[in-house]
């Protein structure tokens, strides 16, 4: 078992740590773009998320033309 002094020190350190974390959170700026993602894009790590470095295949381009108005997303 721990001594009462060690237990008291650990409790005090936990309180100090929690206080420092809370104070730090007040000074950290979170960009609004992260809070409100663009609803037209799939979320990160979504299986249907497009890779911008790969061009669309002929089949994918045909599907895009079928699903969009004049070749543009509607």
C-alpha atoms as a PDB file:
ATOM      1  CA  UNK A   1       0.000   0.000   0.000  1.00  0.00           C
ATOM      2  CA  UNK A   2       1.050   3.555  -0.564  1.00  0.00           C
ATOM      3  CA  UNK A   3       1.713   5.836   2.296  1.00  0.00           C
ATOM      4  CA  UNK A   4      -0.732   8.614   2.982  1.00  0.00           C
ATOM      5  CA  UNK A   5       1.894  11.179   1.993  1.00  0.00           C
ATOM      6  CA  UNK A   6       2.403   9.588  -1.437  1.00  0.00           C
ATOM      7  CA  UNK A   7      -1.355   9.364  -1.970  1.00  0.00           C
ATOM      8  CA  UNK A   8      -1.796  13.011  -1.017  1.00  0.00           C
ATOM      9  CA  UNK A   9       1.010  14.095  -3.350  1.00  0.00           C
ATOM     10  CA  UNK A  10      -0.525  12.143  -6.252  1.00  0.00           C
ATOM     11  CA  UNK A  11      -3.936  13.695  -5.633  1.00  0.00           C
ATOM     12  CA  UNK A  12      -2.454  17.185  -5.557  1.00  0.00           C
ATOM     13  CA  UNK A  13      -0.489  16.525  -8.762  1.00  0.00           C
ATOM     14  CA  UNK A  14      -3.643  15.294 -10.517  1.00  0.00           C
ATOM     15  CA  UNK A  15      -5.496  18.453  -9.497  1.00  0.00           C
ATOM     16  CA  UNK A  16      -2.612  20.652 -10.665  1.00  0.00           C
ATOM     17  CA  UNK A  17      -2.444  18.767 -13.977  1.00  0.00           C
ATOM     18  CA  UNK A  18      -6.204  19.137 -14.527  1.00  0.00           C
ATOM     19  CA  UNK A  19      -6.001  22.841 -13.742  1.00  0.00           C
ATOM     20  CA  UNK A  20      -3.151  23.372 -16.210  1.00  0.00           C
ATOM     21  CA  UNK A  21      -5.003  21.454 -18.926  1.00  0.00           C
ATOM     22  CA  UNK A  22      -8.145  23.547 -18.387  1.00  0.00           C
ATOM     23  CA  UNK A  23      -6.139  26.785 -18.450  1.00  0.00           C
ATOM     24  CA  UNK A  24      -4.344  25.703 -21.621  1.00  0.00           C
ATOM     25  CA  UNK A  25      -7.596  24.902 -23.389  1.00  0.00           C
ATOM     26  CA  UNK A  26      -8.749  28.483 -22.907  1.00  0.00           C
ATOM     27  CA  UNK A  27      -5.750  29.757 -24.891  1.00  0.00           C
ATOM     28  CA  UNK A  28      -5.806  27.258 -27.755  1.00  0.00           C
ATOM     29  CA  UNK A  29      -7.560  28.589 -30.843  1.00  0.00           C
ATOM     30  CA  UNK A  30      -9.578  25.991 -32.763  1.00  0.00           C
ATOM     31  CA  UNK A  31     -10.305  26.992 -36.370  1.00  0.00           C
ATOM     32  CA  UNK A  32     -13.994  27.102 -37.220  1.00  0.00           C
ATOM     33  CA  UNK A  33     -13.417  25.131 -40.419  1.00  0.00           C
ATOM     34  CA  UNK A  34     -12.574  22.079 -38.326  1.00  0.00           C
ATOM     35  CA  UNK A  35     -15.767  22.416 -36.324  1.00  0.00           C
ATOM     36  CA  UNK A  36     -18.027  22.752 -39.357  1.00  0.00           C
ATOM     37  CA  UNK A  37     -16.814  20.566 -42.254  1.00  0.00           C
ATOM     38  CA  UNK A  38     -18.118  21.121 -45.773  1.00  0.00           C
ATOM     39  CA  UNK A  39     -21.275  18.962 -46.037  1.00  0.00           C
ATOM     40  CA  UNK A  40     -20.732  18.338 -49.762  1.00  0.00           C
ATOM     41  CA  UNK A  41     -17.546  16.362 -49.124  1.00  0.00           C
ATOM     42  CA  UNK A  42     -17.472  12.912 -47.552  1.00  0.00           C
ATOM     43  CA  UNK A  43     -15.920  12.870 -44.081  1.00  0.00           C
ATOM     44  CA  UNK A  44     -12.241  11.975 -43.640  1.00  0.00           C
ATOM     45  CA  UNK A  45     -11.442   8.248 -43.946  1.00  0.00           C
ATOM     46  CA  UNK A  46     -14.785   7.630 -45.689  1.00  0.00           C
ATOM     47  CA  UNK A  47     -14.480   4.713 -48.157  1.00  0.00           C
ATOM     48  CA  UNK A  48     -15.890   6.837 -50.987  1.00  0.00           C
ATOM     49  CA  UNK A  49     -13.510   9.749 -50.486  1.00  0.00           C
ATOM     50  CA  UNK A  50     -11.826  10.597 -53.790  1.00  0.00           C
ATOM     51  CA  UNK A  51      -8.090  10.659 -54.167  1.00  0.00           C
ATOM     52  CA  UNK A  52      -7.109  13.881 -55.924  1.00  0.00           C
ATOM     53  CA  UNK A  53      -3.847  12.370 -57.182  1.00  0.00           C
ATOM     54  CA  UNK A  54      -5.641   9.716 -59.299  1.00  0.00           C
ATOM     55  CA  UNK A  55      -7.644  10.672 -62.398  1.00  0.00           C
ATOM     56  CA  UNK A  56     -11.140   9.250 -62.854  1.00  0.00           C
ATOM     57  CA  UNK A  57     -11.491   6.130 -64.983  1.00  0.00           C
ATOM     58  CA  UNK A  58     -13.650   6.163 -68.109  1.00  0.00           C
ATOM     59  CA  UNK A  59     -16.431   4.384 -66.215  1.00  0.00           C
ATOM     60  CA  UNK A  60     -16.266   6.900 -63.364  1.00  0.00           C
ATOM     61  CA  UNK A  61     -16.396   9.812 -65.823  1.00  0.00           C
ATOM     62  CA  UNK A  62     -19.482   8.251 -67.471  1.00  0.00           C
ATOM     63  CA  UNK A  63     -21.139   7.899 -64.070  1.00  0.00           C
ATOM     64  CA  UNK A  64     -20.283  11.497 -63.247  1.00  0.00           C
ATOM     65  CA  UNK A  65     -21.882  12.671 -66.494  1.00  0.00           C
ATOM     66  CA  UNK A  66     -25.034  10.654 -65.725  1.00  0.00           C
ATOM     67  CA  UNK A  67     -25.356  11.949 -62.188  1.00  0.00           C
ATOM     68  CA  UNK A  68     -24.621  15.592 -62.856  1.00  0.00           C
ATOM     69  CA  UNK A  69     -26.172  18.340 -64.882  1.00  0.00           C
ATOM     70  CA  UNK A  70     -24.023  19.268 -67.880  1.00  0.00           C
ATOM     71  CA  UNK A  71     -21.011  17.484 -66.414  1.00  0.00           C
ATOM     72  CA  UNK A  72     -21.095  19.520 -63.200  1.00  0.00           C
ATOM     73  CA  UNK A  73     -22.205  18.388 -59.804  1.00  0.00           C
ATOM     74  CA  UNK A  74     -25.663  19.676 -59.018  1.00  0.00           C
END
